[in-house]
Amino acid sequence: MNLQIEQRERERVVILDLKGWLVLGEEDLSLLQRLLFLLDSRHRQVILNIKEVSTIDESGLDTVVFCAARFHEMGGRLVILDLGQSRATVADISKLSTVSDTYQEETEAVNSFFPDPIVPRYDILEFVNAQKESGHRKSSSAECLSSNPGAARRDWNAWWRARSSKLWFAQWASIPGEATRRASYRKLLRSSLAK
């Protein structure tokens, strides 16, 4: 059974999903070529998902160990995902664990490349209180209409003129050959907003 390699990316980390046999021959050579290509193309953060690998022999493990050492030399990391479910012996697993980190969950493996993630803290209650204290609270449309109906109507009309002209321009700009008329449109837009 040939080794199938599917490549995907998650948070700038390349994940190679392996399926089939990782044995001496064409299979371990294709994995070696793919990993060295990724290393040459400056993808230094790679996860090998070997969940669906049915058989791993000594040559396949040596290929992974060699590539993990190359990634380490180049300042990158090669991480193994789902090693426990593969058909490798305990001695082979311990050999691989000394060279590369192993994880059982994909999220843990991806997060291992980002040891100190910065999670922005946002508290909506603090934001509302800060807005009240600073006096920049927006008034509702009902308050605005009751306090000064003429100003609210003028603001609404100006907003609507600007919005409708932007929509008109978006439709107009998509017509081929209309790019030369942009100057006349800008003049029209300025005059409509000045009213």
N, C-alpha and C. Protein backbone atom coordinates (compact mmCIF):
# COMPACT_ATOMS: atom_id res chain seq x y z
N MET A 1 0.85 -1.18 0.00
CA MET A 1 0.00 0.00 0.00
C MET A 1 0.89 1.24 0.00
N ASN A 2 0.69 2.12 -0.94
CA ASN A 2 1.48 3.34 -1.04
C ASN A 2 1.18 4.30 0.09
N LEU A 3 2.10 5.21 0.31
CA LEU A 3 1.93 6.24 1.32
C LEU A 3 1.31 7.46 0.64
N GLN A 4 0.17 7.88 1.14
CA GLN A 4 -0.49 9.09 0.64
C GLN A 4 -0.19 10.24 1.60
N ILE A 5 0.21 11.38 1.03
CA ILE A 5 0.56 12.54 1.85
C ILE A 5 -0.35 13.69 1.42
N GLU A 6 -1.14 14.16 2.37
CA GLU A 6 -1.99 15.33 2.12
C GLU A 6 -1.47 16.47 2.97
N GLN A 7 -1.32 17.63 2.34
CA GLN A 7 -0.76 18.79 3.04
C GLN A 7 -1.85 19.82 3.27
N ARG A 8 -1.87 20.36 4.48
CA ARG A 8 -2.77 21.45 4.82
C ARG A 8 -2.05 22.38 5.77
N GLU A 9 -2.65 23.51 6.06
CA GLU A 9 -2.00 24.50 6.92
C GLU A 9 -2.99 24.99 7.96
N ARG A 10 -2.49 25.19 9.16
CA ARG A 10 -3.32 25.72 10.25
C ARG A 10 -2.45 26.65 11.07
N GLU A 11 -2.84 27.92 11.11
CA GLU A 11 -2.11 28.96 11.84
C GLU A 11 -0.63 28.99 11.44
N ARG A 12 -0.38 28.98 10.16
CA ARG A 12 0.97 29.05 9.57
C ARG A 12 1.83 27.83 9.94
N VAL A 13 1.22 26.74 10.36
CA VAL A 13 1.93 25.49 10.63
C VAL A 13 1.48 24.48 9.58
N VAL A 14 2.43 23.87 8.88
CA VAL A 14 2.10 22.88 7.86
C VAL A 14 1.82 21.54 8.53
N ILE A 15 0.72 20.92 8.15
CA ILE A 15 0.35 19.62 8.69
C ILE A 15 0.32 18.63 7.53
N LEU A 16 1.11 17.56 7.66
CA LEU A 16 1.12 16.50 6.66
C LEU A 16 0.35 15.31 7.21
N ASP A 17 -0.77 14.98 6.58
CA ASP A 17 -1.57 13.83 6.97
C ASP A 17 -1.09 12.63 6.15
N LEU A 18 -0.53 11.64 6.84
CA LEU A 18 -0.01 10.45 6.18
C LEU A 18 -1.02 9.32 6.27
N LYS A 19 -1.13 8.56 5.18
CA LYS A 19 -2.07 7.44 5.16
C LYS A 19 -1.43 6.30 4.36
N GLY A 20 -1.39 5.14 4.96
CA GLY A 20 -0.81 3.98 4.27
C GLY A 20 0.35 3.41 5.06
N TRP A 21 1.36 2.92 4.34
CA TRP A 21 2.53 2.32 4.96
C TRP A 21 3.71 3.26 4.86
N LEU A 22 4.47 3.35 5.95
CA LEU A 22 5.72 4.12 5.97
C LEU A 22 6.85 3.10 6.10
N VAL A 23 7.25 2.56 4.94
CA VAL A 23 8.23 1.47 4.91
C VAL A 23 9.32 1.81 3.91
N LEU A 24 10.36 0.97 3.89
CA LEU A 24 11.49 1.14 2.99
C LEU A 24 11.03 1.10 1.54
N GLY A 25 11.52 2.04 0.76
CA GLY A 25 11.19 2.08 -0.66
C GLY A 25 10.63 3.43 -1.07
N GLU A 26 9.68 3.38 -1.96
CA GLU A 26 9.08 4.59 -2.51
C GLU A 26 8.37 5.41 -1.43
N GLU A 27 7.82 4.76 -0.44
CA GLU A 27 7.06 5.44 0.60
C GLU A 27 7.92 6.37 1.44
N ASP A 28 9.04 5.85 1.97
CA ASP A 28 9.85 6.71 2.82
C ASP A 28 10.59 7.76 1.98
N LEU A 29 10.88 7.45 0.72
CA LEU A 29 11.51 8.46 -0.15
C LEU A 29 10.57 9.62 -0.45
N SER A 30 9.29 9.32 -0.67
CA SER A 30 8.33 10.41 -0.94
C SER A 30 8.18 11.31 0.29
N LEU A 31 8.18 10.72 1.48
CA LEU A 31 8.10 11.53 2.71
C LEU A 31 9.37 12.37 2.87
N LEU A 32 10.51 11.78 2.62
CA LEU A 32 11.78 12.50 2.72
C LEU A 32 11.81 13.68 1.75
N GLN A 33 11.39 13.45 0.52
CA GLN A 33 11.38 14.53 -0.47
C GLN A 33 10.43 15.64 -0.07
N ARG A 34 9.25 15.29 0.42
CA ARG A 34 8.28 16.32 0.81
C ARG A 34 8.80 17.14 1.98
N LEU A 35 9.38 16.49 2.98
CA LEU A 35 9.88 17.22 4.15
C LEU A 35 11.07 18.10 3.79
N LEU A 36 11.97 17.61 2.96
CA LEU A 36 13.11 18.44 2.54
C LEU A 36 12.67 19.60 1.66
N PHE A 37 11.63 19.38 0.85
CA PHE A 37 11.08 20.48 0.05
C PHE A 37 10.50 21.55 0.96
N LEU A 38 9.76 21.15 1.98
CA LEU A 38 9.20 22.12 2.92
C LEU A 38 10.30 22.89 3.63
N LEU A 39 11.36 22.20 3.98
CA LEU A 39 12.48 22.86 4.64
C LEU A 39 13.15 23.86 3.71
N ASP A 40 13.32 23.48 2.45
CA ASP A 40 13.92 24.39 1.47
C ASP A 40 13.03 25.58 1.16
N SER A 41 11.72 25.40 1.26
CA SER A 41 10.79 26.50 0.98
C SER A 41 10.45 27.30 2.24
N ARG A 42 11.29 27.17 3.26
CA ARG A 42 11.22 27.96 4.49
C ARG A 42 9.98 27.70 5.35
N HIS A 43 9.43 26.52 5.22
CA HIS A 43 8.37 26.08 6.14
C HIS A 43 9.05 25.30 7.24
N ARG A 44 9.31 25.96 8.35
CA ARG A 44 10.10 25.37 9.42
C ARG A 44 9.25 24.77 10.55
N GLN A 45 7.94 24.91 10.46
CA GLN A 45 7.04 24.38 11.49
C GLN A 45 6.13 23.36 10.83
N VAL A 46 6.40 22.07 11.11
CA VAL A 46 5.67 20.99 10.44
C VAL A 46 5.19 19.98 11.46
N ILE A 47 3.96 19.49 11.24
CA ILE A 47 3.38 18.43 12.05
C ILE A 47 3.16 17.23 11.13
N LEU A 48 3.64 16.07 11.56
CA LEU A 48 3.38 14.81 10.85
C LEU A 48 2.25 14.09 11.56
N ASN A 49 1.12 13.98 10.91
CA ASN A 49 -0.02 13.27 11.47
C ASN A 49 0.04 11.83 10.96
N ILE A 50 0.43 10.90 11.81
CA ILE A 50 0.56 9.51 11.40
C ILE A 50 -0.55 8.64 11.98
N LYS A 51 -1.69 9.25 12.19
CA LYS A 51 -2.84 8.53 12.75
C LYS A 51 -3.27 7.38 11.83
N GLU A 52 -3.25 7.61 10.52
CA GLU A 52 -3.74 6.60 9.59
C GLU A 52 -2.62 5.82 8.93
N VAL A 53 -1.43 5.84 9.53
CA VAL A 53 -0.33 5.00 9.03
C VAL A 53 -0.51 3.62 9.65
N SER A 54 -0.64 2.62 8.79
CA SER A 54 -0.91 1.28 9.30
C SER A 54 0.36 0.52 9.68
N THR A 55 1.47 0.79 8.98
CA THR A 55 2.72 0.08 9.26
C THR A 55 3.89 1.05 9.17
N ILE A 56 4.77 0.99 10.16
CA ILE A 56 6.01 1.77 10.14
C ILE A 56 7.16 0.80 10.38
N ASP A 57 8.15 0.85 9.49
CA ASP A 57 9.32 0.01 9.71
C ASP A 57 10.51 0.87 10.11
N GLU A 58 11.65 0.22 10.30
CA GLU A 58 12.87 0.90 10.76
C GLU A 58 13.29 2.02 9.80
N SER A 59 13.17 1.77 8.51
CA SER A 59 13.56 2.77 7.52
C SER A 59 12.66 4.00 7.58
N GLY A 60 11.36 3.79 7.76
CA GLY A 60 10.42 4.91 7.88
C GLY A 60 10.71 5.76 9.10
N LEU A 61 11.01 5.10 10.21
CA LEU A 61 11.36 5.83 11.43
C LEU A 61 12.68 6.58 11.27
N ASP A 62 13.65 5.94 10.60
CA ASP A 62 14.92 6.62 10.36
C ASP A 62 14.73 7.88 9.51
N THR A 63 13.82 7.81 8.54
CA THR A 63 13.53 8.98 7.71
C THR A 63 12.96 10.12 8.56
N VAL A 64 12.03 9.78 9.43
CA VAL A 64 11.43 10.81 10.31
C VAL A 64 12.47 11.37 11.26
N VAL A 65 13.31 10.51 11.84
CA VAL A 65 14.36 10.96 12.76
C VAL A 65 15.35 11.87 12.04
N PHE A 66 15.75 11.48 10.83
CA PHE A 66 16.68 12.30 10.04
C PHE A 66 16.09 13.67 9.75
N CYS A 67 14.84 13.70 9.33
CA CYS A 67 14.19 14.98 9.00
C CYS A 67 13.99 15.84 10.24
N ALA A 68 13.66 15.21 11.36
CA ALA A 68 13.50 15.98 12.60
C ALA A 68 14.83 16.63 12.99
N ALA A 69 15.93 15.91 12.80
CA ALA A 69 17.25 16.48 13.10
C ALA A 69 17.57 17.62 12.14
N ARG A 70 17.22 17.48 10.86
CA ARG A 70 17.46 18.56 9.88
C ARG A 70 16.65 19.80 10.22
N PHE A 71 15.40 19.60 10.61
CA PHE A 71 14.56 20.74 10.98
C PHE A 71 15.17 21.45 12.20
N HIS A 72 15.65 20.68 13.16
CA HIS A 72 16.26 21.26 14.35
C HIS A 72 17.51 22.05 14.00
N GLU A 73 18.33 21.53 13.09
CA GLU A 73 19.55 22.23 12.66
C GLU A 73 19.22 23.56 11.99
N MET A 74 18.10 23.60 11.27
CA MET A 74 17.72 24.80 10.52
C MET A 74 16.87 25.76 11.36
N GLY A 75 16.70 25.47 12.63
CA GLY A 75 15.94 26.36 13.51
C GLY A 75 14.44 26.11 13.48
N GLY A 76 14.01 24.97 13.00
CA GLY A 76 12.59 24.65 12.94
C GLY A 76 12.26 23.48 13.85
N ARG A 77 11.03 22.99 13.70
CA ARG A 77 10.60 21.84 14.50
C ARG A 77 9.72 20.94 13.67
N LEU A 78 9.92 19.65 13.86
CA LEU A 78 9.06 18.63 13.27
C LEU A 78 8.41 17.89 14.43
N VAL A 79 7.08 17.92 14.48
CA VAL A 79 6.32 17.36 15.58
C VAL A 79 5.51 16.19 15.06
N ILE A 80 5.41 15.15 15.87
CA ILE A 80 4.66 13.95 15.51
C ILE A 80 3.30 13.96 16.20
N LEU A 81 2.25 13.65 15.44
CA LEU A 81 0.90 13.63 15.97
C LEU A 81 0.33 12.21 15.88
N ASP A 82 -0.30 11.74 16.95
CA ASP A 82 -0.96 10.43 17.03
C ASP A 82 0.01 9.27 16.82
N LEU A 83 1.10 9.28 17.53
CA LEU A 83 2.08 8.21 17.40
C LEU A 83 1.61 6.91 18.03
N GLY A 84 0.82 6.99 19.06
CA GLY A 84 0.42 5.80 19.80
C GLY A 84 -0.45 4.85 19.01
N GLN A 85 -1.19 5.32 18.01
CA GLN A 85 -2.09 4.45 17.28
C GLN A 85 -1.43 3.76 16.09
N SER A 86 -0.19 4.11 15.79
CA SER A 86 0.48 3.49 14.65
C SER A 86 1.00 2.11 15.04
N ARG A 87 1.51 1.38 14.05
CA ARG A 87 1.98 0.00 14.26
C ARG A 87 3.48 -0.05 14.56
N ALA A 88 3.99 0.91 15.30
CA ALA A 88 5.41 0.93 15.65
C ALA A 88 5.62 0.24 16.99
N THR A 89 6.80 -0.30 17.17
CA THR A 89 7.12 -0.96 18.44
C THR A 89 7.47 0.07 19.50
N VAL A 90 7.50 -0.36 20.74
CA VAL A 90 7.81 0.55 21.85
C VAL A 90 9.22 1.10 21.70
N ALA A 91 10.16 0.28 21.27
CA ALA A 91 11.54 0.75 21.09
C ALA A 91 11.62 1.82 20.01
N ASP A 92 10.84 1.64 18.93
CA ASP A 92 10.84 2.63 17.86
C ASP A 92 10.19 3.93 18.33
N ILE A 93 9.14 3.83 19.10
CA ILE A 93 8.46 5.02 19.61
C ILE A 93 9.39 5.80 20.54
N SER A 94 10.13 5.10 21.39
CA SER A 94 11.05 5.81 22.29
C SER A 94 12.18 6.46 21.51
N LYS A 95 12.63 5.81 20.44
CA LYS A 95 13.67 6.40 19.58
C LYS A 95 13.17 7.68 18.93
N LEU A 96 11.94 7.67 18.47
CA LEU A 96 11.37 8.84 17.83
C LEU A 96 11.08 9.95 18.83
N SER A 97 10.68 9.59 20.03
CA SER A 97 10.37 10.59 21.06
C SER A 97 11.59 11.35 21.54
N THR A 98 12.78 10.75 21.41
CA THR A 98 13.99 11.46 21.84
C THR A 98 14.37 12.58 20.87
N VAL A 99 13.96 12.46 19.61
CA VAL A 99 14.33 13.45 18.59
C VAL A 99 13.23 14.49 18.38
N SER A 100 11.99 14.09 18.50
CA SER A 100 10.87 14.97 18.18
C SER A 100 9.82 14.89 19.28
N ASP A 101 9.07 15.97 19.43
CA ASP A 101 7.95 16.00 20.37
C ASP A 101 6.78 15.24 19.77
N THR A 102 6.03 14.56 20.60
CA THR A 102 4.85 13.84 20.15
C THR A 102 3.62 14.33 20.90
N TYR A 103 2.51 14.42 20.19
CA TYR A 103 1.25 14.90 20.76
C TYR A 103 0.12 13.98 20.31
N GLN A 104 -0.94 13.93 21.10
CA GLN A 104 -2.11 13.12 20.75
C GLN A 104 -3.22 13.95 20.13
N GLU A 105 -3.23 15.27 20.39
CA GLU A 105 -4.27 16.15 19.86
C GLU A 105 -3.64 17.18 18.93
N GLU A 106 -4.33 17.45 17.82
CA GLU A 106 -3.81 18.40 16.84
C GLU A 106 -3.70 19.82 17.40
N THR A 107 -4.67 20.22 18.20
CA THR A 107 -4.64 21.56 18.79
C THR A 107 -3.42 21.73 19.69
N GLU A 108 -3.11 20.72 20.49
CA GLU A 108 -1.92 20.79 21.33
C GLU A 108 -0.65 20.89 20.50
N ALA A 109 -0.60 20.14 19.40
CA ALA A 109 0.58 20.17 18.54
C ALA A 109 0.76 21.54 17.90
N VAL A 110 -0.32 22.13 17.43
CA VAL A 110 -0.24 23.47 16.81
C VAL A 110 0.15 24.50 17.86
N ASN A 111 -0.45 24.42 19.05
CA ASN A 111 -0.15 25.38 20.10
C ASN A 111 1.28 25.24 20.62
N SER A 112 1.91 24.10 20.43
CA SER A 112 3.28 23.92 20.89
C SER A 112 4.26 24.81 20.13
N PHE A 113 3.87 25.27 18.96
CA PHE A 113 4.73 26.18 18.19
C PHE A 113 4.61 27.61 18.70
N PHE A 114 3.61 27.88 19.50
CA PHE A 114 3.39 29.22 20.06
C PHE A 114 3.35 29.11 21.58
N PRO A 115 4.50 29.09 22.25
CA PRO A 115 4.53 28.81 23.69
C PRO A 115 3.87 29.88 24.54
N ASP A 116 3.94 31.13 24.14
CA ASP A 116 3.36 32.21 24.94
C ASP A 116 2.35 32.98 24.11
N PRO A 117 1.19 32.39 23.83
CA PRO A 117 0.21 33.12 23.02
C PRO A 117 -0.35 34.31 23.79
N ILE A 118 -0.50 35.40 23.10
CA ILE A 118 -1.06 36.61 23.71
C ILE A 118 -2.53 36.65 23.33
N VAL A 119 -3.37 36.51 24.33
CA VAL A 119 -4.80 36.55 24.11
C VAL A 119 -5.29 37.92 24.57
N PRO A 120 -5.81 38.70 23.62
CA PRO A 120 -6.27 40.03 24.03
C PRO A 120 -7.47 39.91 24.96
N ARG A 121 -7.43 40.68 26.02
CA ARG A 121 -8.50 40.67 27.01
C ARG A 121 -9.45 41.81 26.68
N TYR A 122 -10.71 41.51 26.57
CA TYR A 122 -11.70 42.54 26.26
C TYR A 122 -12.89 42.33 27.18
N ASP A 123 -13.17 43.34 27.97
CA ASP A 123 -14.28 43.27 28.90
C ASP A 123 -15.31 44.31 28.47
N ILE A 124 -16.48 43.87 28.07
CA ILE A 124 -17.51 44.78 27.57
C ILE A 124 -18.01 45.71 28.67
N LEU A 125 -18.04 45.24 29.90
CA LEU A 125 -18.51 46.09 30.99
C LEU A 125 -17.54 47.25 31.22
N GLU A 126 -16.25 46.98 31.17
CA GLU A 126 -15.26 48.06 31.30
C GLU A 126 -15.41 49.06 30.17
N PHE A 127 -15.68 48.59 28.97
CA PHE A 127 -15.85 49.49 27.83
C PHE A 127 -17.06 50.40 28.02
N VAL A 128 -18.18 49.82 28.44
CA VAL A 128 -19.39 50.62 28.64
C VAL A 128 -19.18 51.65 29.74
N ASN A 129 -18.56 51.24 30.84
CA ASN A 129 -18.30 52.18 31.93
C ASN A 129 -17.37 53.29 31.49
N ALA A 130 -16.36 52.97 30.70
CA ALA A 130 -15.44 53.99 30.20
C ALA A 130 -16.16 54.97 29.29
N GLN A 131 -17.08 54.47 28.48
CA GLN A 131 -17.84 55.35 27.60
C GLN A 131 -18.75 56.29 28.40
N LYS A 132 -19.35 55.76 29.46
CA LYS A 132 -20.21 56.61 30.29
C LYS A 132 -19.41 57.69 31.00
N GLU A 133 -18.23 57.30 31.51
CA GLU A 133 -17.39 58.26 32.23
C GLU A 133 -16.85 59.35 31.30
N SER A 134 -16.51 58.97 30.09
CA SER A 134 -15.92 59.96 29.20
C SER A 134 -16.98 60.85 28.55
N GLY A 135 -18.25 60.48 28.65
CA GLY A 135 -19.30 61.33 28.10
C GLY A 135 -19.45 61.18 26.60
N HIS A 136 -18.88 60.17 26.02
CA HIS A 136 -18.97 59.97 24.58
C HIS A 136 -20.06 58.98 24.21
N ARG A 137 -21.00 58.85 25.08
CA ARG A 137 -22.09 57.92 24.81
C ARG A 137 -22.96 58.47 23.70
N LYS A 138 -23.24 57.67 22.70
CA LYS A 138 -24.08 58.12 21.60
C LYS A 138 -25.53 58.16 22.06
N SER A 139 -26.22 59.18 21.64
CA SER A 139 -27.63 59.27 21.99
C SER A 139 -28.43 58.43 21.01
N SER A 140 -29.53 57.93 21.48
CA SER A 140 -30.37 57.11 20.61
C SER A 140 -31.10 58.01 19.62
N SER A 141 -31.66 57.41 18.59
CA SER A 141 -32.36 58.19 17.57
C SER A 141 -33.60 58.87 18.15
N ALA A 142 -34.25 58.24 19.13
CA ALA A 142 -35.44 58.85 19.74
C ALA A 142 -35.05 60.12 20.50
N GLU A 143 -33.94 60.09 21.26
CA GLU A 143 -33.49 61.28 21.98
C GLU A 143 -33.12 62.38 21.00
N CYS A 144 -32.49 61.99 19.92
CA CYS A 144 -32.05 62.96 18.94
C CYS A 144 -33.23 63.64 18.27
N LEU A 145 -34.25 62.86 17.92
CA LEU A 145 -35.43 63.44 17.27
C LEU A 145 -36.20 64.34 18.21
N SER A 146 -36.30 63.96 19.47
CA SER A 146 -37.09 64.76 20.40
C SER A 146 -36.37 66.06 20.77
N SER A 147 -35.04 66.05 20.82
CA SER A 147 -34.32 67.26 21.21
C SER A 147 -34.18 68.24 20.05
N ASN A 148 -33.89 67.78 18.85
CA ASN A 148 -33.72 68.67 17.71
C ASN A 148 -34.10 67.92 16.44
N PRO A 149 -35.38 67.91 16.10
CA PRO A 149 -35.81 67.12 14.96
C PRO A 149 -35.23 67.59 13.63
N GLY A 150 -35.02 68.86 13.46
CA GLY A 150 -34.49 69.38 12.20
C GLY A 150 -33.05 68.93 11.96
N ALA A 151 -32.21 68.96 13.01
CA ALA A 151 -30.81 68.54 12.87
C ALA A 151 -30.72 67.05 12.60
N ALA A 152 -31.56 66.28 13.27
CA ALA A 152 -31.54 64.84 13.05
C ALA A 152 -31.93 64.50 11.63
N ARG A 153 -32.94 65.21 11.11
CA ARG A 153 -33.39 64.97 9.74
C ARG A 153 -32.29 65.33 8.74
N ARG A 154 -31.60 66.46 8.99
CA ARG A 154 -30.51 66.88 8.09
C ARG A 154 -29.38 65.87 8.13
N ASP A 155 -29.03 65.37 9.33
CA ASP A 155 -27.97 64.36 9.43
C ASP A 155 -28.36 63.09 8.68
N TRP A 156 -29.61 62.69 8.85
CA TRP A 156 -30.08 61.49 8.16
C TRP A 156 -30.03 61.67 6.65
N ASN A 157 -30.48 62.81 6.17
CA ASN A 157 -30.48 63.06 4.72
C ASN A 157 -29.06 63.08 4.16
N ALA A 158 -28.13 63.68 4.88
CA ALA A 158 -26.74 63.73 4.42
C ALA A 158 -26.14 62.32 4.39
N TRP A 159 -26.45 61.57 5.41
CA TRP A 159 -25.94 60.19 5.43
C TRP A 159 -26.51 59.38 4.27
N TRP A 160 -27.83 59.54 4.02
CA TRP A 160 -28.46 58.78 2.96
C TRP A 160 -27.93 59.18 1.58
N ARG A 161 -27.71 60.47 1.34
CA ARG A 161 -27.15 60.92 0.06
C ARG A 161 -25.77 60.32 -0.16
N ALA A 162 -24.94 60.34 0.87
CA ALA A 162 -23.59 59.80 0.75
C ALA A 162 -23.64 58.29 0.51
N ARG A 163 -24.50 57.61 1.23
CA ARG A 163 -24.61 56.14 1.10
C ARG A 163 -25.13 55.75 -0.28
N SER A 164 -26.19 56.41 -0.74
CA SER A 164 -26.76 56.04 -2.03
C SER A 164 -25.80 56.37 -3.17
N SER A 165 -25.05 57.46 -3.04
CA SER A 165 -24.09 57.78 -4.10
C SER A 165 -22.94 56.79 -4.11
N LYS A 166 -22.54 56.28 -2.92
CA LYS A 166 -21.49 55.27 -2.89
C LYS A 166 -21.97 53.97 -3.54
N LEU A 167 -23.22 53.59 -3.28
CA LEU A 167 -23.77 52.39 -3.90
C LEU A 167 -23.85 52.57 -5.41
N TRP A 168 -24.30 53.76 -5.84
CA TRP A 168 -24.39 54.04 -7.27
C TRP A 168 -23.01 53.97 -7.91
N PHE A 169 -22.00 54.51 -7.23
CA PHE A 169 -20.65 54.48 -7.77
C PHE A 169 -20.11 53.06 -7.86
N ALA A 170 -20.42 52.22 -6.88
CA ALA A 170 -19.94 50.84 -6.91
C ALA A 170 -20.50 50.10 -8.11
N GLN A 171 -21.78 50.36 -8.45
CA GLN A 171 -22.36 49.72 -9.63
C GLN A 171 -21.78 50.33 -10.90
N TRP A 172 -21.60 51.64 -10.91
CA TRP A 172 -21.12 52.36 -12.08
C TRP A 172 -19.66 52.02 -12.38
N ALA A 173 -18.84 51.85 -11.34
CA ALA A 173 -17.42 51.60 -11.52
C ALA A 173 -17.15 50.21 -12.09
N SER A 174 -18.10 49.31 -11.95
CA SER A 174 -17.89 47.96 -12.47
C SER A 174 -18.13 47.87 -13.97
N ILE A 175 -18.68 48.91 -14.59
CA ILE A 175 -18.93 48.92 -16.03
C ILE A 175 -17.61 49.19 -16.75
N PRO A 176 -17.24 48.39 -17.76
CA PRO A 176 -15.97 48.61 -18.47
C PRO A 176 -15.96 49.95 -19.19
N GLY A 177 -14.83 50.63 -19.17
CA GLY A 177 -14.67 51.90 -19.87
C GLY A 177 -15.13 53.11 -19.09
N GLU A 178 -15.65 52.93 -17.92
CA GLU A 178 -16.17 54.04 -17.14
C GLU A 178 -15.12 54.70 -16.26
N ALA A 179 -13.92 54.15 -16.22
CA ALA A 179 -12.89 54.70 -15.33
C ALA A 179 -12.52 56.12 -15.70
N THR A 180 -12.66 56.50 -16.97
CA THR A 180 -12.30 57.86 -17.38
C THR A 180 -13.27 58.90 -16.87
N ARG A 181 -14.44 58.50 -16.46
CA ARG A 181 -15.45 59.47 -15.99
C ARG A 181 -15.40 59.69 -14.49
N ARG A 182 -14.39 59.17 -13.82
CA ARG A 182 -14.33 59.30 -12.36
C ARG A 182 -14.22 60.74 -11.90
N ALA A 183 -13.51 61.55 -12.65
CA ALA A 183 -13.37 62.96 -12.25
C ALA A 183 -14.71 63.66 -12.25
N SER A 184 -15.54 63.40 -13.26
CA SER A 184 -16.86 64.03 -13.29
C SER A 184 -17.74 63.50 -12.16
N TYR A 185 -17.58 62.24 -11.82
CA TYR A 185 -18.34 61.69 -10.71
C TYR A 185 -17.93 62.34 -9.39
N ARG A 186 -16.63 62.52 -9.19
CA ARG A 186 -16.18 63.16 -7.95
C ARG A 186 -16.76 64.56 -7.80
N LYS A 187 -16.82 65.29 -8.92
CA LYS A 187 -17.39 66.64 -8.88
C LYS A 187 -18.87 66.56 -8.53
N LEU A 188 -19.58 65.61 -9.11
CA LEU A 188 -20.99 65.42 -8.81
C LEU A 188 -21.19 65.04 -7.35
N LEU A 189 -20.36 64.17 -6.84
CA LEU A 189 -20.45 63.74 -5.46
C LEU A 189 -20.21 64.89 -4.49
N ARG A 190 -19.17 65.68 -4.76
CA ARG A 190 -18.90 66.84 -3.90
C ARG A 190 -20.06 67.83 -3.88
N SER A 191 -20.66 68.06 -5.04
CA SER A 191 -21.77 69.01 -5.09
C SER A 191 -23.00 68.47 -4.37
N SER A 192 -23.22 67.14 -4.43
CA SER A 192 -24.39 66.58 -3.74
C SER A 192 -24.19 66.57 -2.23
N LEU A 193 -22.95 66.39 -1.78
CA LEU A 193 -22.69 66.40 -0.34
C LEU A 193 -22.69 67.82 0.21
N ALA A 194 -22.42 68.79 -0.61
CA ALA A 194 -22.38 70.18 -0.14
C ALA A 194 -23.77 70.74 0.09
N LYS A 195 -24.78 70.14 -0.50
CA LYS A 195 -26.16 70.65 -0.35
C LYS A 195 -26.68 70.47 1.02
